[in-house]
Amino acid sequence: MVQKINTETCTSCDACQPECPNAAISVKKGLYVVNASLCTDCEGHFDEPQCVAVCPVDDCITEV
């Protein structure tokens, strides 16, 4: 599955972007977004999506 950042609850804390092994997270117009074509749910790297693991806001990053 691919992850999506809820822009309404995201605090733009920058915790997720450096943790993404695929560089799938970027900032657009001040908001963090996931590039679906690059997101692999961290398969082959980690047991769980690292963006979800480090995000301080519950349910901010969810599967599409």
C-alpha atoms as a PDB file:
ATOM      1  CA  MET A   1       0.000   0.000   0.000  1.00  0.00           C
ATOM      2  CA  VAL A   2       0.956   3.622  -0.388  1.00  0.00           C
ATOM      3  CA  GLN A   3       0.917   6.138   2.436  1.00  0.00           C
ATOM      4  CA  LYS A   4      -0.813   9.517   2.384  1.00  0.00           C
ATOM      5  CA  ILE A   5      -0.286  12.516   4.652  1.00  0.00           C
ATOM      6  CA  ASN A   6      -3.437  14.218   5.897  1.00  0.00           C
ATOM      7  CA  THR A   7      -2.649  17.884   5.262  1.00  0.00           C
ATOM      8  CA  GLU A   8      -5.347  18.982   7.700  1.00  0.00           C
ATOM      9  CA  THR A   9      -3.684  17.304  10.684  1.00  0.00           C
ATOM     10  CA  CYS A  10      -0.025  17.485   9.619  1.00  0.00           C
ATOM     11  CA  THR A  11       1.946  19.939  11.779  1.00  0.00           C
ATOM     12  CA  SER A  12       4.867  20.107   9.300  1.00  0.00           C
ATOM     13  CA  CYS A  13       7.231  18.932  12.029  1.00  0.00           C
ATOM     14  CA  ASP A  14       9.663  17.417   9.470  1.00  0.00           C
ATOM     15  CA  ALA A  15       9.948  14.107  11.346  1.00  0.00           C
ATOM     16  CA  CYS A  16       8.848  11.962   8.407  1.00  0.00           C
ATOM     17  CA  GLN A  17      10.814  13.311   5.462  1.00  0.00           C
ATOM     18  CA  PRO A  18      14.340  12.329   6.566  1.00  0.00           C
ATOM     19  CA  GLU A  19      13.145   8.853   7.620  1.00  0.00           C
ATOM     20  CA  CYS A  20      11.803   7.853   4.189  1.00  0.00           C
ATOM     21  CA  PRO A  21      14.269   5.426   2.543  1.00  0.00           C
ATOM     22  CA  ASN A  22      12.787   6.148  -0.897  1.00  0.00           C
ATOM     23  CA  ALA A  23      12.759   9.964  -0.713  1.00  0.00           C
ATOM     24  CA  ALA A  24       9.015   9.781  -1.399  1.00  0.00           C
ATOM     25  CA  ILE A  25       8.113  12.627   0.979  1.00  0.00           C
ATOM     26  CA  SER A  26       8.555  16.226  -0.081  1.00  0.00           C
ATOM     27  CA  VAL A  27       7.244  19.687   0.714  1.00  0.00           C
ATOM     28  CA  LYS A  28       4.840  21.379  -1.704  1.00  0.00           C
ATOM     29  CA  LYS A  29       3.465  24.805  -0.891  1.00  0.00           C
ATOM     30  CA  GLY A  30       4.481  24.367   2.738  1.00  0.00           C
ATOM     31  CA  LEU A  31       2.747  20.983   3.122  1.00  0.00           C
ATOM     32  CA  TYR A  32       4.291  17.521   3.260  1.00  0.00           C
ATOM     33  CA  VAL A  33       3.107  15.107   0.585  1.00  0.00           C
ATOM     34  CA  VAL A  34       3.919  11.524  -0.429  1.00  0.00           C
ATOM     35  CA  ASN A  35       4.826  10.751  -4.028  1.00  0.00           C
ATOM     36  CA  ALA A  36       2.773   7.598  -4.615  1.00  0.00           C
ATOM     37  CA  SER A  37       5.052   6.400  -7.395  1.00  0.00           C
ATOM     38  CA  LEU A  38       8.036   6.341  -5.005  1.00  0.00           C
ATOM     39  CA  CYS A  39       6.357   5.060  -1.831  1.00  0.00           C
ATOM     40  CA  THR A  40       6.865   1.335  -1.226  1.00  0.00           C
ATOM     41  CA  ASP A  41       5.528   1.261   2.353  1.00  0.00           C
ATOM     42  CA  CYS A  42       9.196   0.729   3.294  1.00  0.00           C
ATOM     43  CA  GLU A  43       9.076  -2.855   1.989  1.00  0.00           C
ATOM     44  CA  GLY A  44      12.553  -4.263   1.776  1.00  0.00           C
ATOM     45  CA  HIS A  45      13.835  -1.670   4.247  1.00  0.00           C
ATOM     46  CA  PHE A  46      11.725  -1.883   7.425  1.00  0.00           C
ATOM     47  CA  ASP A  47       8.873  -3.903   8.920  1.00  0.00           C
ATOM     48  CA  GLU A  48       6.590  -0.851   9.056  1.00  0.00           C
ATOM     49  CA  PRO A  49       6.412   2.489   7.242  1.00  0.00           C
ATOM     50  CA  GLN A  50       8.921   4.733   8.945  1.00  0.00           C
ATOM     51  CA  CYS A  51       6.931   7.895   8.307  1.00  0.00           C
ATOM     52  CA  VAL A  52       4.053   6.432  10.342  1.00  0.00           C
ATOM     53  CA  ALA A  53       6.423   5.222  13.063  1.00  0.00           C
ATOM     54  CA  VAL A  54       7.958   8.661  13.669  1.00  0.00           C
ATOM     55  CA  CYS A  55       4.910  10.878  13.121  1.00  0.00           C
ATOM     56  CA  PRO A  56       3.846  12.499  16.420  1.00  0.00           C
ATOM     57  CA  VAL A  57       0.240  12.982  15.236  1.00  0.00           C
ATOM     58  CA  ASP A  58      -2.034   9.936  15.443  1.00  0.00           C
ATOM     59  CA  ASP A  59      -3.609   8.941  12.114  1.00  0.00           C
ATOM     60  CA  CYS A  60      -1.918  11.792  10.242  1.00  0.00           C
ATOM     61  CA  ILE A  61      -0.244   9.353   7.833  1.00  0.00           C
ATOM     62  CA  THR A  62      -2.484   6.566   6.581  1.00  0.00           C
ATOM     63  CA  GLU A  63      -2.683   4.000   3.788  1.00  0.00           C
ATOM     64  CA  VAL A  64      -4.386   5.073   0.601  1.00  0.00           C
END
